[in-house]
Amino acid sequence: MNRLTELFFCESDGVFTSADVALRLNGSDFARNGLIKRAMAGREILNIRRGLYCLAPRYQKKPVGVFSLAQRIYGPSYISMETALSYHGWIPEAVHACTCSSYGNSKEFKTPLGIYSYKRVPQRTLYSNVERCVWDNANVFFVASPAKALADYVYTHRLNWTDIDQAAGDLRIESENLASVTQLELSQLKDNYRSSRVKRFLTGWMKGINV
């Protein structure tokens, strides 16, 4: 086992950065980079993105959560849109990329653990209506409420939906799920977004609940 692999097998959750390596190992940058390259060549660690790594599955004490990596790959961000809707059981389709909303510019990262797609969604408070979740293996991640995930979806896909029936039909969302969202949450979301397109959709959703 590579010295680097052994170190992070003992001391971390299996995910680490170049800065973590520098803090734990003495020597030159050249020597540390050599350790990283040898561990990657031996398939003991995986390169997630520049400067971010995780132990290969056979060296992980616990599985690295795909969702928990999202914030570390590109942040501040949270799980949203199709991935969040699937996580909450609102859409039946399997999601093949981890879709996220972010303050930063839209980016996509192809990693050994899957594709991470980030979309810029302007809003007043990024983490409004976002839940901090902890899985059984102690992996922590941030995920939008179903209503916020749907509002982000409307924004990123530039949809002109004006009522909940369009969302139910196009995404095959059960009407019971859409009707379960409170007027308070929809009002909070409406105040949080700057997009007139999103505001129109949320207004139509609020009216639909009153029917």
N, C-alpha and C. Protein backbone atom coordinates (compact mmCIF):
# COMPACT_ATOMS: atom_id res chain seq x y z
N MET A 1 0.85 -1.20 0.00
CA MET A 1 0.00 0.00 0.00
C MET A 1 0.88 1.25 0.00
N ASN A 2 0.60 2.16 -0.90
CA ASN A 2 1.31 3.42 -0.97
C ASN A 2 1.25 4.15 0.38
N ARG A 3 2.33 4.83 0.73
CA ARG A 3 2.39 5.57 2.01
C ARG A 3 1.22 6.54 2.14
N LEU A 4 0.88 7.20 1.05
CA LEU A 4 -0.22 8.17 1.06
C LEU A 4 -1.55 7.47 1.29
N THR A 5 -1.76 6.35 0.62
CA THR A 5 -2.99 5.58 0.79
C THR A 5 -3.13 5.13 2.24
N GLU A 6 -2.05 4.64 2.81
CA GLU A 6 -2.07 4.18 4.20
C GLU A 6 -2.41 5.32 5.16
N LEU A 7 -1.86 6.49 4.91
CA LEU A 7 -2.09 7.64 5.77
C LEU A 7 -3.57 8.01 5.79
N PHE A 8 -4.19 8.14 4.62
CA PHE A 8 -5.58 8.59 4.58
C PHE A 8 -6.56 7.46 4.84
N PHE A 9 -6.12 6.23 4.72
CA PHE A 9 -6.96 5.11 5.15
C PHE A 9 -7.16 5.17 6.65
N CYS A 10 -6.15 5.60 7.37
CA CYS A 10 -6.21 5.63 8.83
C CYS A 10 -6.84 6.92 9.37
N GLU A 11 -6.70 8.03 8.66
CA GLU A 11 -6.99 9.33 9.26
C GLU A 11 -8.19 10.08 8.70
N SER A 12 -8.86 9.60 7.65
CA SER A 12 -9.90 10.43 7.06
C SER A 12 -11.08 9.60 6.61
N ASP A 13 -12.06 10.32 6.03
CA ASP A 13 -13.23 9.64 5.48
C ASP A 13 -12.98 9.11 4.08
N GLY A 14 -11.73 9.19 3.65
CA GLY A 14 -11.37 8.68 2.33
C GLY A 14 -11.32 9.74 1.26
N VAL A 15 -11.67 10.98 1.61
CA VAL A 15 -11.62 12.09 0.66
C VAL A 15 -10.62 13.11 1.18
N PHE A 16 -9.76 13.61 0.32
CA PHE A 16 -8.74 14.55 0.78
C PHE A 16 -8.27 15.43 -0.36
N THR A 17 -7.59 16.50 -0.01
CA THR A 17 -7.10 17.47 -0.99
C THR A 17 -5.58 17.52 -0.98
N SER A 18 -5.04 18.24 -1.95
CA SER A 18 -3.59 18.46 -1.98
C SER A 18 -3.13 19.18 -0.72
N ALA A 19 -3.96 20.10 -0.23
CA ALA A 19 -3.63 20.82 1.00
C ALA A 19 -3.57 19.87 2.20
N ASP A 20 -4.48 18.89 2.24
CA ASP A 20 -4.45 17.89 3.32
C ASP A 20 -3.15 17.09 3.27
N VAL A 21 -2.71 16.75 2.08
CA VAL A 21 -1.45 16.01 1.93
C VAL A 21 -0.29 16.85 2.45
N ALA A 22 -0.26 18.14 2.10
CA ALA A 22 0.82 19.02 2.54
C ALA A 22 0.85 19.17 4.05
N LEU A 23 -0.32 19.16 4.70
CA LEU A 23 -0.38 19.30 6.15
C LEU A 23 0.14 18.05 6.87
N ARG A 24 -0.05 16.90 6.26
CA ARG A 24 0.28 15.65 6.94
C ARG A 24 1.66 15.08 6.59
N LEU A 25 2.20 15.50 5.47
CA LEU A 25 3.47 14.93 5.04
C LEU A 25 4.52 16.03 4.87
N ASN A 26 5.68 15.81 5.47
CA ASN A 26 6.79 16.73 5.27
C ASN A 26 7.43 16.47 3.91
N GLY A 27 8.33 17.37 3.57
CA GLY A 27 9.03 17.21 2.30
C GLY A 27 8.60 18.24 1.29
N SER A 28 9.14 18.10 0.10
CA SER A 28 8.89 19.07 -0.96
C SER A 28 7.57 18.78 -1.68
N ASP A 29 7.07 19.78 -2.39
CA ASP A 29 5.89 19.58 -3.23
C ASP A 29 6.15 18.50 -4.27
N PHE A 30 7.37 18.47 -4.78
CA PHE A 30 7.73 17.48 -5.79
C PHE A 30 7.57 16.06 -5.24
N ALA A 31 8.06 15.86 -4.01
CA ALA A 31 7.97 14.53 -3.40
C ALA A 31 6.53 14.14 -3.13
N ARG A 32 5.73 15.09 -2.63
CA ARG A 32 4.32 14.80 -2.34
C ARG A 32 3.54 14.50 -3.63
N ASN A 33 3.83 15.28 -4.67
CA ASN A 33 3.17 15.03 -5.95
C ASN A 33 3.56 13.67 -6.51
N GLY A 34 4.80 13.26 -6.25
CA GLY A 34 5.23 11.94 -6.68
C GLY A 34 4.44 10.83 -6.00
N LEU A 35 4.20 10.99 -4.70
CA LEU A 35 3.38 10.02 -3.96
C LEU A 35 1.97 9.93 -4.54
N ILE A 36 1.40 11.11 -4.83
CA ILE A 36 0.05 11.15 -5.38
C ILE A 36 0.01 10.43 -6.72
N LYS A 37 0.98 10.70 -7.59
CA LYS A 37 1.00 10.09 -8.91
C LYS A 37 1.19 8.58 -8.84
N ARG A 38 2.02 8.13 -7.92
CA ARG A 38 2.23 6.68 -7.78
C ARG A 38 0.98 6.00 -7.25
N ALA A 39 0.29 6.66 -6.30
CA ALA A 39 -0.95 6.08 -5.77
C ALA A 39 -2.02 6.02 -6.85
N MET A 40 -2.08 7.05 -7.69
CA MET A 40 -3.04 7.03 -8.79
C MET A 40 -2.69 5.96 -9.80
N ALA A 41 -1.41 5.83 -10.12
CA ALA A 41 -0.97 4.82 -11.08
C ALA A 41 -1.25 3.41 -10.56
N GLY A 42 -1.16 3.23 -9.24
CA GLY A 42 -1.47 1.94 -8.64
C GLY A 42 -2.94 1.73 -8.37
N ARG A 43 -3.76 2.68 -8.78
CA ARG A 43 -5.21 2.62 -8.61
C ARG A 43 -5.61 2.49 -7.15
N GLU A 44 -4.81 3.14 -6.30
CA GLU A 44 -5.14 3.17 -4.87
C GLU A 44 -5.94 4.41 -4.51
N ILE A 45 -5.77 5.48 -5.28
CA ILE A 45 -6.59 6.68 -5.09
C ILE A 45 -7.15 7.11 -6.44
N LEU A 46 -8.26 7.84 -6.39
CA LEU A 46 -8.93 8.33 -7.60
C LEU A 46 -8.82 9.85 -7.64
N ASN A 47 -8.59 10.39 -8.81
CA ASN A 47 -8.54 11.83 -8.99
C ASN A 47 -9.94 12.33 -9.33
N ILE A 48 -10.57 13.04 -8.38
CA ILE A 48 -11.92 13.53 -8.58
C ILE A 48 -11.91 14.80 -9.44
N ARG A 49 -11.12 15.71 -9.08
CA ARG A 49 -10.82 16.90 -9.88
C ARG A 49 -9.45 17.39 -9.45
N ARG A 50 -8.94 18.45 -10.06
CA ARG A 50 -7.61 18.91 -9.72
C ARG A 50 -7.53 19.26 -8.23
N GLY A 51 -6.65 18.58 -7.52
CA GLY A 51 -6.44 18.86 -6.10
C GLY A 51 -7.39 18.15 -5.16
N LEU A 52 -8.32 17.34 -5.68
CA LEU A 52 -9.28 16.61 -4.84
C LEU A 52 -9.22 15.13 -5.20
N TYR A 53 -9.07 14.28 -4.16
CA TYR A 53 -8.88 12.85 -4.38
C TYR A 53 -9.73 12.06 -3.40
N CYS A 54 -9.92 10.80 -3.71
CA CYS A 54 -10.52 9.88 -2.73
C CYS A 54 -9.86 8.52 -2.88
N LEU A 55 -9.90 7.75 -1.81
CA LEU A 55 -9.37 6.39 -1.86
C LEU A 55 -10.19 5.54 -2.81
N ALA A 56 -9.55 4.63 -3.50
CA ALA A 56 -10.27 3.68 -4.35
C ALA A 56 -11.19 2.84 -3.46
N PRO A 57 -12.31 2.34 -4.01
CA PRO A 57 -13.30 1.62 -3.19
C PRO A 57 -12.73 0.53 -2.29
N ARG A 58 -11.74 -0.21 -2.77
CA ARG A 58 -11.23 -1.32 -1.95
C ARG A 58 -10.45 -0.84 -0.72
N TYR A 59 -10.10 0.45 -0.69
CA TYR A 59 -9.37 1.00 0.46
C TYR A 59 -10.26 1.88 1.36
N GLN A 60 -11.51 2.01 1.02
CA GLN A 60 -12.41 2.86 1.81
C GLN A 60 -12.96 2.10 3.01
N LYS A 61 -12.84 2.71 4.19
CA LYS A 61 -13.44 2.09 5.38
C LYS A 61 -14.96 2.12 5.29
N LYS A 62 -15.50 3.16 4.66
CA LYS A 62 -16.93 3.29 4.40
C LYS A 62 -17.08 3.90 3.01
N PRO A 63 -18.14 3.55 2.30
CA PRO A 63 -18.29 4.07 0.94
C PRO A 63 -18.34 5.60 0.92
N VAL A 64 -17.66 6.18 -0.03
CA VAL A 64 -17.71 7.62 -0.21
C VAL A 64 -19.05 7.98 -0.84
N GLY A 65 -19.81 8.86 -0.20
CA GLY A 65 -21.11 9.23 -0.71
C GLY A 65 -21.00 10.10 -1.95
N VAL A 66 -21.68 9.71 -3.01
CA VAL A 66 -21.65 10.49 -4.25
C VAL A 66 -22.20 11.89 -4.00
N PHE A 67 -23.27 12.00 -3.23
CA PHE A 67 -23.85 13.31 -2.94
C PHE A 67 -22.91 14.17 -2.10
N SER A 68 -22.22 13.54 -1.16
CA SER A 68 -21.37 14.31 -0.25
C SER A 68 -20.19 14.95 -0.98
N LEU A 69 -19.81 14.41 -2.13
CA LEU A 69 -18.71 14.98 -2.90
C LEU A 69 -19.11 16.26 -3.64
N ALA A 70 -20.41 16.45 -3.85
CA ALA A 70 -20.87 17.56 -4.69
C ALA A 70 -20.37 18.91 -4.20
N GLN A 71 -20.50 19.15 -2.90
CA GLN A 71 -20.08 20.43 -2.33
C GLN A 71 -18.57 20.60 -2.41
N ARG A 72 -17.83 19.49 -2.29
CA ARG A 72 -16.38 19.57 -2.28
C ARG A 72 -15.82 19.72 -3.70
N ILE A 73 -16.54 19.23 -4.67
CA ILE A 73 -16.08 19.39 -6.05
C ILE A 73 -16.24 20.83 -6.50
N TYR A 74 -17.39 21.45 -6.17
CA TYR A 74 -17.65 22.81 -6.61
C TYR A 74 -18.69 23.43 -5.69
N GLY A 75 -18.29 24.42 -4.96
CA GLY A 75 -19.21 25.04 -4.01
C GLY A 75 -19.02 26.54 -3.94
N PRO A 76 -19.95 27.21 -3.25
CA PRO A 76 -21.10 26.63 -2.55
C PRO A 76 -22.14 26.11 -3.53
N SER A 77 -22.74 24.98 -3.19
CA SER A 77 -23.72 24.36 -4.06
C SER A 77 -24.59 23.42 -3.24
N TYR A 78 -25.64 22.93 -3.86
CA TYR A 78 -26.50 21.94 -3.22
C TYR A 78 -27.13 21.06 -4.29
N ILE A 79 -27.51 19.84 -3.93
CA ILE A 79 -28.17 18.91 -4.84
C ILE A 79 -29.54 19.47 -5.19
N SER A 80 -29.87 19.49 -6.47
CA SER A 80 -31.14 20.09 -6.87
C SER A 80 -31.64 19.46 -8.17
N MET A 81 -32.68 20.07 -8.72
CA MET A 81 -33.27 19.69 -10.00
C MET A 81 -33.57 18.19 -10.07
N GLU A 82 -33.21 17.52 -11.17
CA GLU A 82 -33.61 16.13 -11.34
C GLU A 82 -33.11 15.22 -10.22
N THR A 83 -31.88 15.44 -9.76
CA THR A 83 -31.33 14.57 -8.73
C THR A 83 -32.10 14.71 -7.42
N ALA A 84 -32.43 15.94 -7.03
CA ALA A 84 -33.19 16.15 -5.80
C ALA A 84 -34.61 15.61 -5.95
N LEU A 85 -35.23 15.83 -7.10
CA LEU A 85 -36.59 15.32 -7.31
C LEU A 85 -36.61 13.79 -7.25
N SER A 86 -35.59 13.15 -7.81
CA SER A 86 -35.49 11.70 -7.72
C SER A 86 -35.23 11.25 -6.28
N TYR A 87 -34.36 11.95 -5.57
CA TYR A 87 -34.05 11.63 -4.18
C TYR A 87 -35.31 11.67 -3.31
N HIS A 88 -36.17 12.66 -3.56
CA HIS A 88 -37.40 12.80 -2.77
C HIS A 88 -38.52 11.90 -3.27
N GLY A 89 -38.28 11.17 -4.36
CA GLY A 89 -39.30 10.27 -4.89
C GLY A 89 -40.38 10.96 -5.70
N TRP A 90 -40.08 12.13 -6.22
CA TRP A 90 -41.07 12.88 -6.98
C TRP A 90 -41.10 12.51 -8.45
N ILE A 91 -40.01 12.02 -9.00
CA ILE A 91 -40.00 11.61 -10.40
C ILE A 91 -39.56 10.15 -10.48
N PRO A 92 -40.10 9.41 -11.42
CA PRO A 92 -39.82 7.97 -11.48
C PRO A 92 -38.52 7.62 -12.18
N GLU A 93 -37.98 8.53 -13.01
CA GLU A 93 -36.81 8.19 -13.80
C GLU A 93 -35.54 8.12 -12.97
N ALA A 94 -34.65 7.21 -13.36
CA ALA A 94 -33.32 7.18 -12.75
C ALA A 94 -32.52 8.37 -13.28
N VAL A 95 -31.69 8.94 -12.43
CA VAL A 95 -30.89 10.11 -12.80
C VAL A 95 -29.44 9.66 -12.92
N HIS A 96 -28.81 9.96 -14.06
CA HIS A 96 -27.47 9.45 -14.33
C HIS A 96 -26.37 10.47 -14.05
N ALA A 97 -26.74 11.70 -13.75
CA ALA A 97 -25.76 12.73 -13.36
C ALA A 97 -26.25 13.38 -12.08
N CYS A 98 -25.32 13.85 -11.29
CA CYS A 98 -25.68 14.55 -10.05
C CYS A 98 -25.85 16.03 -10.40
N THR A 99 -27.10 16.50 -10.39
CA THR A 99 -27.39 17.88 -10.79
C THR A 99 -27.45 18.77 -9.56
N CYS A 100 -26.78 19.92 -9.66
CA CYS A 100 -26.65 20.81 -8.52
C CYS A 100 -26.88 22.26 -8.94
N SER A 101 -27.28 23.08 -7.96
CA SER A 101 -27.39 24.52 -8.15
C SER A 101 -26.26 25.20 -7.41
N SER A 102 -25.79 26.32 -7.97
CA SER A 102 -24.63 26.99 -7.40
C SER A 102 -24.72 28.49 -7.61
N TYR A 103 -23.97 29.23 -6.79
CA TYR A 103 -23.80 30.66 -7.00
C TYR A 103 -22.86 30.93 -8.17
N GLY A 104 -21.93 30.01 -8.39
CA GLY A 104 -20.89 30.23 -9.38
C GLY A 104 -21.36 29.93 -10.80
N ASN A 105 -20.45 30.09 -11.74
CA ASN A 105 -20.77 29.81 -13.14
C ASN A 105 -21.08 28.33 -13.34
N SER A 106 -21.89 28.04 -14.33
CA SER A 106 -22.25 26.66 -14.63
C SER A 106 -21.01 25.87 -15.04
N LYS A 107 -20.88 24.66 -14.51
CA LYS A 107 -19.74 23.80 -14.82
C LYS A 107 -20.18 22.35 -14.81
N GLU A 108 -19.39 21.51 -15.45
CA GLU A 108 -19.63 20.06 -15.41
C GLU A 108 -18.30 19.36 -15.17
N PHE A 109 -18.32 18.36 -14.29
CA PHE A 109 -17.12 17.60 -13.95
C PHE A 109 -17.40 16.11 -14.21
N LYS A 110 -16.56 15.50 -15.01
CA LYS A 110 -16.65 14.05 -15.24
C LYS A 110 -15.63 13.38 -14.34
N THR A 111 -16.10 12.62 -13.37
CA THR A 111 -15.23 12.02 -12.36
C THR A 111 -15.34 10.50 -12.42
N PRO A 112 -14.43 9.78 -11.76
CA PRO A 112 -14.55 8.32 -11.71
C PRO A 112 -15.81 7.84 -10.98
N LEU A 113 -16.44 8.73 -10.22
CA LEU A 113 -17.65 8.36 -9.48
C LEU A 113 -18.92 8.88 -10.13
N GLY A 114 -18.79 9.47 -11.31
CA GLY A 114 -19.97 9.95 -12.02
C GLY A 114 -19.82 11.38 -12.49
N ILE A 115 -20.85 11.86 -13.19
CA ILE A 115 -20.86 13.22 -13.72
C ILE A 115 -21.55 14.14 -12.73
N TYR A 116 -20.95 15.29 -12.49
CA TYR A 116 -21.53 16.32 -11.63
C TYR A 116 -21.79 17.56 -12.49
N SER A 117 -23.05 17.96 -12.55
CA SER A 117 -23.44 19.11 -13.37
C SER A 117 -23.94 20.22 -12.46
N TYR A 118 -23.34 21.40 -12.58
CA TYR A 118 -23.67 22.55 -11.74
C TYR A 118 -24.25 23.67 -12.61
N LYS A 119 -25.39 24.20 -12.18
CA LYS A 119 -26.02 25.29 -12.90
C LYS A 119 -26.12 26.52 -11.99
N ARG A 120 -25.80 27.66 -12.54
CA ARG A 120 -25.91 28.91 -11.79
C ARG A 120 -27.39 29.30 -11.68
N VAL A 121 -27.85 29.50 -10.43
CA VAL A 121 -29.24 29.90 -10.19
C VAL A 121 -29.23 31.13 -9.29
N PRO A 122 -29.42 32.33 -9.84
CA PRO A 122 -29.41 33.55 -9.01
C PRO A 122 -30.56 33.55 -8.01
N GLN A 123 -30.25 33.85 -6.78
CA GLN A 123 -31.25 33.92 -5.72
C GLN A 123 -30.68 34.70 -4.55
N ARG A 124 -31.56 35.15 -3.68
CA ARG A 124 -31.11 35.98 -2.56
C ARG A 124 -30.35 35.17 -1.52
N THR A 125 -30.86 33.99 -1.18
CA THR A 125 -30.22 33.14 -0.17
C THR A 125 -30.07 31.74 -0.74
N LEU A 126 -28.83 31.34 -1.00
CA LEU A 126 -28.59 30.08 -1.68
C LEU A 126 -29.18 28.89 -0.94
N TYR A 127 -29.00 28.85 0.38
CA TYR A 127 -29.41 27.67 1.13
C TYR A 127 -30.81 27.76 1.74
N SER A 128 -31.59 28.73 1.29
CA SER A 128 -32.99 28.78 1.72
C SER A 128 -33.72 27.55 1.17
N ASN A 129 -34.47 26.86 2.04
CA ASN A 129 -35.22 25.65 1.66
C ASN A 129 -34.29 24.52 1.18
N VAL A 130 -33.11 24.47 1.79
CA VAL A 130 -32.16 23.39 1.54
C VAL A 130 -31.90 22.67 2.85
N GLU A 131 -31.95 21.35 2.80
CA GLU A 131 -31.79 20.52 4.01
C GLU A 131 -30.38 19.93 4.08
N ARG A 132 -29.82 19.94 5.27
CA ARG A 132 -28.55 19.25 5.52
C ARG A 132 -28.87 17.81 5.92
N CYS A 133 -28.37 16.86 5.15
CA CYS A 133 -28.69 15.45 5.37
C CYS A 133 -27.44 14.68 5.75
N VAL A 134 -27.62 13.65 6.57
CA VAL A 134 -26.51 12.76 6.96
C VAL A 134 -26.96 11.33 6.71
N TRP A 135 -26.24 10.63 5.85
CA TRP A 135 -26.54 9.22 5.61
C TRP A 135 -25.97 8.36 6.73
N ASP A 136 -26.33 7.08 6.72
CA ASP A 136 -25.89 6.16 7.77
C ASP A 136 -24.37 6.06 7.86
N ASN A 137 -23.69 6.25 6.73
CA ASN A 137 -22.23 6.15 6.73
C ASN A 137 -21.56 7.48 7.09
N ALA A 138 -22.37 8.43 7.62
CA ALA A 138 -21.89 9.73 8.11
C ALA A 138 -21.51 10.70 6.99
N ASN A 139 -21.82 10.37 5.75
CA ASN A 139 -21.61 11.31 4.66
C ASN A 139 -22.66 12.42 4.73
N VAL A 140 -22.20 13.65 4.67
CA VAL A 140 -23.08 14.81 4.78
C VAL A 140 -23.26 15.45 3.42
N PHE A 141 -24.49 15.86 3.10
CA PHE A 141 -24.74 16.56 1.86
C PHE A 141 -25.91 17.52 2.04
N PHE A 142 -26.08 18.43 1.07
CA PHE A 142 -27.13 19.44 1.11
C PHE A 142 -28.06 19.22 -0.08
N VAL A 143 -29.36 19.16 0.18
CA VAL A 143 -30.31 18.86 -0.89
C VAL A 143 -31.50 19.82 -0.82
N ALA A 144 -31.94 20.29 -1.97
CA ALA A 144 -33.07 21.20 -2.05
C ALA A 144 -34.36 20.46 -1.70
N SER A 145 -35.32 21.19 -1.14
CA SER A 145 -36.66 20.64 -0.98
C SER A 145 -37.22 20.36 -2.37
N PRO A 146 -38.22 19.50 -2.50
CA PRO A 146 -38.78 19.23 -3.83
C PRO A 146 -39.26 20.49 -4.55
N ALA A 147 -39.88 21.40 -3.80
CA ALA A 147 -40.39 22.62 -4.42
C ALA A 147 -39.24 23.49 -4.95
N LYS A 148 -38.17 23.60 -4.17
CA LYS A 148 -37.03 24.40 -4.61
C LYS A 148 -36.34 23.73 -5.80
N ALA A 149 -36.22 22.41 -5.76
CA ALA A 149 -35.61 21.68 -6.88
C ALA A 149 -36.40 21.93 -8.16
N LEU A 150 -37.72 22.00 -8.04
CA LEU A 150 -38.56 22.23 -9.21
C LEU A 150 -38.43 23.68 -9.70
N ALA A 151 -38.34 24.62 -8.77
CA ALA A 151 -38.12 26.02 -9.15
C ALA A 151 -36.78 26.17 -9.87
N ASP A 152 -35.73 25.51 -9.38
CA ASP A 152 -34.43 25.54 -10.05
C ASP A 152 -34.52 24.92 -11.44
N TYR A 153 -35.30 23.87 -11.56
CA TYR A 153 -35.49 23.19 -12.84
C TYR A 153 -36.13 24.14 -13.85
N VAL A 154 -37.16 24.86 -13.41
CA VAL A 154 -37.82 25.83 -14.28
C VAL A 154 -36.83 26.89 -14.75
N TYR A 155 -35.99 27.37 -13.83
CA TYR A 155 -35.03 28.41 -14.19
C TYR A 155 -33.99 27.89 -15.18
N THR A 156 -33.37 26.76 -14.87
CA THR A 156 -32.26 26.28 -15.69
C THR A 156 -32.71 25.79 -17.06
N HIS A 157 -33.94 25.30 -17.16
CA HIS A 157 -34.46 24.82 -18.44
C HIS A 157 -35.27 25.89 -19.18
N ARG A 158 -35.36 27.07 -18.60
CA ARG A 158 -36.05 28.21 -19.21
C ARG A 158 -37.48 27.86 -19.62
N LEU A 159 -38.18 27.25 -18.69
CA LEU A 159 -39.55 26.83 -18.95
C LEU A 159 -40.53 27.95 -18.65
N ASN A 160 -41.61 27.98 -19.40
CA ASN A 160 -42.64 28.99 -19.20
C ASN A 160 -43.89 28.38 -18.59
N TRP A 161 -43.68 27.47 -17.65
CA TRP A 161 -44.82 26.88 -16.97
C TRP A 161 -45.54 27.94 -16.14
N THR A 162 -46.87 27.87 -16.17
CA THR A 162 -47.66 28.81 -15.37
C THR A 162 -48.61 28.10 -14.40
N ASP A 163 -48.59 26.78 -14.40
CA ASP A 163 -49.42 26.05 -13.44
C ASP A 163 -48.79 24.69 -13.15
N ILE A 164 -49.27 24.06 -12.11
CA ILE A 164 -48.67 22.80 -11.67
C ILE A 164 -49.01 21.64 -12.59
N ASP A 165 -50.09 21.76 -13.39
CA ASP A 165 -50.45 20.67 -14.30
C ASP A 165 -49.36 20.44 -15.33
N GLN A 166 -48.69 21.51 -15.75
CA GLN A 166 -47.60 21.36 -16.72
C GLN A 166 -46.44 20.59 -16.12
N ALA A 167 -46.10 20.89 -14.87
CA ALA A 167 -45.03 20.15 -14.19
C ALA A 167 -45.41 18.69 -14.01
N ALA A 168 -46.67 18.46 -13.63
CA ALA A 168 -47.12 17.09 -13.41
C ALA A 168 -47.07 16.28 -14.70
N GLY A 169 -47.45 16.91 -15.80
CA GLY A 169 -47.48 16.20 -17.08
C GLY A 169 -46.10 15.96 -17.66
N ASP A 170 -45.27 16.99 -17.67
CA ASP A 170 -43.96 16.88 -18.32
C ASP A 170 -42.98 16.01 -17.54
N LEU A 171 -43.03 16.07 -16.22
CA LEU A 171 -42.09 15.31 -15.39
C LEU A 171 -42.73 14.08 -14.74
N ARG A 172 -43.99 13.87 -15.01
CA ARG A 172 -44.74 12.74 -14.42
C ARG A 172 -44.70 12.77 -12.90
N ILE A 173 -44.91 13.97 -12.37
CA ILE A 173 -45.00 14.14 -10.92
C ILE A 173 -46.44 13.93 -10.48
N GLU A 174 -46.62 13.18 -9.43
CA GLU A 174 -47.97 12.95 -8.92
C GLU A 174 -48.56 14.27 -8.40
N SER A 175 -49.82 14.52 -8.75
CA SER A 175 -50.47 15.77 -8.33
C SER A 175 -50.53 15.87 -6.81
N GLU A 176 -50.58 14.73 -6.13
CA GLU A 176 -50.63 14.74 -4.66
C GLU A 176 -49.34 15.33 -4.08
N ASN A 177 -48.23 15.04 -4.72
CA ASN A 177 -46.96 15.61 -4.25
C ASN A 177 -46.95 17.13 -4.41
N LEU A 178 -47.39 17.60 -5.57
CA LEU A 178 -47.41 19.03 -5.82
C LEU A 178 -48.36 19.74 -4.86
N ALA A 179 -49.48 19.11 -4.56
CA ALA A 179 -50.48 19.72 -3.67
C ALA A 179 -50.05 19.69 -2.21
N SER A 180 -49.02 18.88 -1.90
CA SER A 180 -48.60 18.76 -0.50
C SER A 180 -47.71 19.91 -0.04
N VAL A 181 -47.21 20.70 -0.97
CA VAL A 181 -46.33 21.82 -0.62
C VAL A 181 -47.16 22.96 -0.04
N THR A 182 -46.67 23.56 1.02
CA THR A 182 -47.44 24.60 1.71
C THR A 182 -47.34 25.94 0.98
N GLN A 183 -48.37 26.75 1.20
CA GLN A 183 -48.36 28.11 0.67
C GLN A 183 -47.18 28.90 1.23
N LEU A 184 -46.83 28.64 2.49
CA LEU A 184 -45.73 29.35 3.13
C LEU A 184 -44.42 29.08 2.40
N GLU A 185 -44.15 27.82 2.10
CA GLU A 185 -42.89 27.52 1.40
C GLU A 185 -42.87 28.15 0.02
N LEU A 186 -43.96 28.07 -0.71
CA LEU A 186 -44.01 28.66 -2.04
C LEU A 186 -43.82 30.17 -1.99
N SER A 187 -44.40 30.80 -0.97
CA SER A 187 -44.22 32.24 -0.80
C SER A 187 -42.77 32.59 -0.50
N GLN A 188 -42.13 31.79 0.36
CA GLN A 188 -40.72 32.00 0.68
C GLN A 188 -39.85 31.85 -0.56
N LEU A 189 -40.14 30.83 -1.36
CA LEU A 189 -39.38 30.61 -2.58
C LEU A 189 -39.57 31.76 -3.56
N LYS A 190 -40.80 32.20 -3.70
CA LYS A 190 -41.09 33.31 -4.61
C LYS A 190 -40.29 34.55 -4.25
N ASP A 191 -40.17 34.82 -2.95
CA ASP A 191 -39.40 35.98 -2.50
C ASP A 191 -37.90 35.79 -2.71
N ASN A 192 -37.46 34.54 -2.76
CA ASN A 192 -36.03 34.26 -2.82
C ASN A 192 -35.46 34.35 -4.24
N TYR A 193 -36.31 34.09 -5.24
CA TYR A 193 -35.82 34.07 -6.62
C TYR A 193 -35.97 35.43 -7.29
N ARG A 194 -35.05 35.73 -8.20
CA ARG A 194 -35.10 36.96 -8.96
C ARG A 194 -35.76 36.78 -10.32
N SER A 195 -35.81 35.55 -10.77
CA SER A 195 -36.33 35.25 -12.11
C SER A 195 -37.83 35.45 -12.18
N SER A 196 -38.30 36.25 -13.15
CA SER A 196 -39.74 36.44 -13.34
C SER A 196 -40.39 35.14 -13.81
N ARG A 197 -39.64 34.32 -14.56
CA ARG A 197 -40.17 33.04 -15.01
C ARG A 197 -40.48 32.12 -13.83
N VAL A 198 -39.56 32.06 -12.87
CA VAL A 198 -39.77 31.24 -11.68
C VAL A 198 -40.91 31.80 -10.84
N LYS A 199 -40.96 33.10 -10.69
CA LYS A 199 -42.03 33.73 -9.90
C LYS A 199 -43.41 33.44 -10.50
N ARG A 200 -43.53 33.47 -11.84
CA ARG A 200 -44.81 33.16 -12.47
C ARG A 200 -45.22 31.72 -12.20
N PHE A 201 -44.24 30.82 -12.30
CA PHE A 201 -44.55 29.42 -12.03
C PHE A 201 -45.00 29.21 -10.59
N LEU A 202 -44.29 29.81 -9.64
CA LEU A 202 -44.66 29.65 -8.24
C LEU A 202 -46.01 30.29 -7.93
N THR A 203 -46.31 31.41 -8.57
CA THR A 203 -47.62 32.04 -8.39
C THR A 203 -48.73 31.12 -8.89
N GLY A 204 -48.51 30.52 -10.07
CA GLY A 204 -49.49 29.58 -10.60
C GLY A 204 -49.65 28.36 -9.72
N TRP A 205 -48.54 27.91 -9.14
CA TRP A 205 -48.58 26.76 -8.21
C TRP A 205 -49.41 27.12 -6.99
N MET A 206 -49.20 28.29 -6.45
CA MET A 206 -49.96 28.73 -5.27
C MET A 206 -51.46 28.80 -5.58
N LYS A 207 -51.80 29.31 -6.75
CA LYS A 207 -53.21 29.37 -7.13
C LYS A 207 -53.80 27.98 -7.30
N GLY A 208 -52.98 27.06 -7.85
CA GLY A 208 -53.46 25.69 -8.05
C GLY A 208 -53.78 24.98 -6.75
N ILE A 209 -53.02 25.29 -5.70
CA ILE A 209 -53.27 24.67 -4.41
C ILE A 209 -54.59 25.15 -3.83
N ASN A 210 -54.95 26.39 -4.14
CA ASN A 210 -56.19 26.98 -3.60
C ASN A 210 -57.44 26.47 -4.28
N VAL A 211 -57.25 25.86 -5.47
CA VAL A 211 -58.42 25.40 -6.21
C VAL A 211 -59.11 24.24 -5.49
